[in-house]
Amino acid sequence: MAVVSRALCLARSGLFSCRNVLFAADQSWNNANNSDITGKRYLFCSEYVGIENFKRQKAIMSDEIGSLKGNFMKKVKSYVEESDHNSIFTEDLKMVVYFAETTDDLDLVAHMIRKYHSQNVDMKFSAFRFGPLVMRLLYIHQNHKLAYQLFNDKSLDGFFNQMTTCVTYMDLMYVCKEYEKVIEAMHEVARRHATRIKYPVDCMTLAAAAAYKMNTKESLEKLKALLLSAKSSECDLSLRTVIYSSFLAYKQQDAKLALEMLSLLSGNREVNLPSAYINLKSLIYAELGRFEEALHILSSYVNRDRPGARRIDIFQEVLEKLKASLTSSSSPSSKVLLKSVNQFESNLQSTGYLLVDSFETYLDSTIKKKRGLQDGFKQRERIPIGGYRRDSEGVFSGSQRRRGLL
């Protein structure tokens, strides 16, 4: 469409000076959107699911076309509705996705991708994959209903089969508290086997988080089935998947299953385990009446002095649970152990290793990652949770910012 080319030529002549302002405004909006004021829980940070890059590209393209954007959208809509035989071109569809703002625009995108996907293969010279782009657009608009329709639309078979698309879709369902649909999507991803891995790590993390949020016996059974299938397929599991699964079993009063689920971690990870694992295992031991082991795992990890060992913090509520269990126990050694726990608690308070934060709130912390450039490509690296991050002076940064679980 000629209007696009004219708009780009005009934009390149002098509109790029606005870009830094647009980026600054965009970043400011994102900081607010990720804050607690929204009332929504984000499992993955927006940078990881590609939202930040999408918004940057959106700002660039809006900058380039300038005031012609509205005219372009009208022309595209008229062209698409004019005839069912009119072809959808890759560049036009790409721009419509980036320019979409209203509900009508989103409906136009949905209509265009269906036509684009059904077009004769001979017309498709571009290798561009629209799945991630469309899902990020719906993520920004929090339109989980349209996302659900499109992701499960049989006429779009193969359109949303990219790994990043599946993660973005499932994260959107999680943010919108559509937990059943997250688990349903995990089964669909495994059925499609669209990626080389039947049970992708991030998708399993989202499924475990959704089951954990539902916190029912039914969700525990569904998660158990997924874990067994993933294990039989020799798929790796993230640490957070294991923690969510085990804590869900614990909350459903199945401490034996909770302890067994912790064994899903591969042996080499036992060397440098995070606070979440240590505290949860102690909780489970206390529930099972294995008080010596409950205290030992806490004290041994806190007191160890090894190069490269991560800091382990202990939650107040874990110690309270252990003390309550010891108080109600009829074991002859309970009083001696209770005294040891109280002494251990005092030592933690004096050294700053005792956390009063809620353990569940800690587990809900957003999974973050570092992102850098490597050979011209974006490199993604997760930030593991090893307790709480400290600054160079040894004090908690901000309001005790947490690292995310692997």
Foldseek 3Di string as FASTA:
>chain_A
DVLLVVLQVVLVVDQCVCLVVQLVVVVVVLVVVCDCVVVWFFQARCVVLPLSVLSSVLSVSCSSNPPCLVVLLVVVVCQVVVDLPRADDPVSLLNLLSSDDDPVSLVVNLSNLLSNQPDDPVVDPDPDQCLSSNLSSCLVVLVLVVLVCSVPPPSCVPNNLDPSNLLSNLSSCVRVLVLVVLLVSQVVNLVSVSDVQSRDQSSLLSNLVSLLVVLDPVSLVSNVVVVVVNVVSVHQYFPLSLLSNLVSCVSVVNLVVSLVSNVSDDPVCVVADAQSSLLSVLLSCLSVVVLVVSVCSVVVLQPDDDPPHFHHAYEPVSLVSSLVSLVPDPDPCSVVSNVVSVVVVVVCVVVVRYDDDDSVVLSSAHWYWDWDDDPNDIDTGTWAWRDFDDDPVRHQPDPRDTHHHD
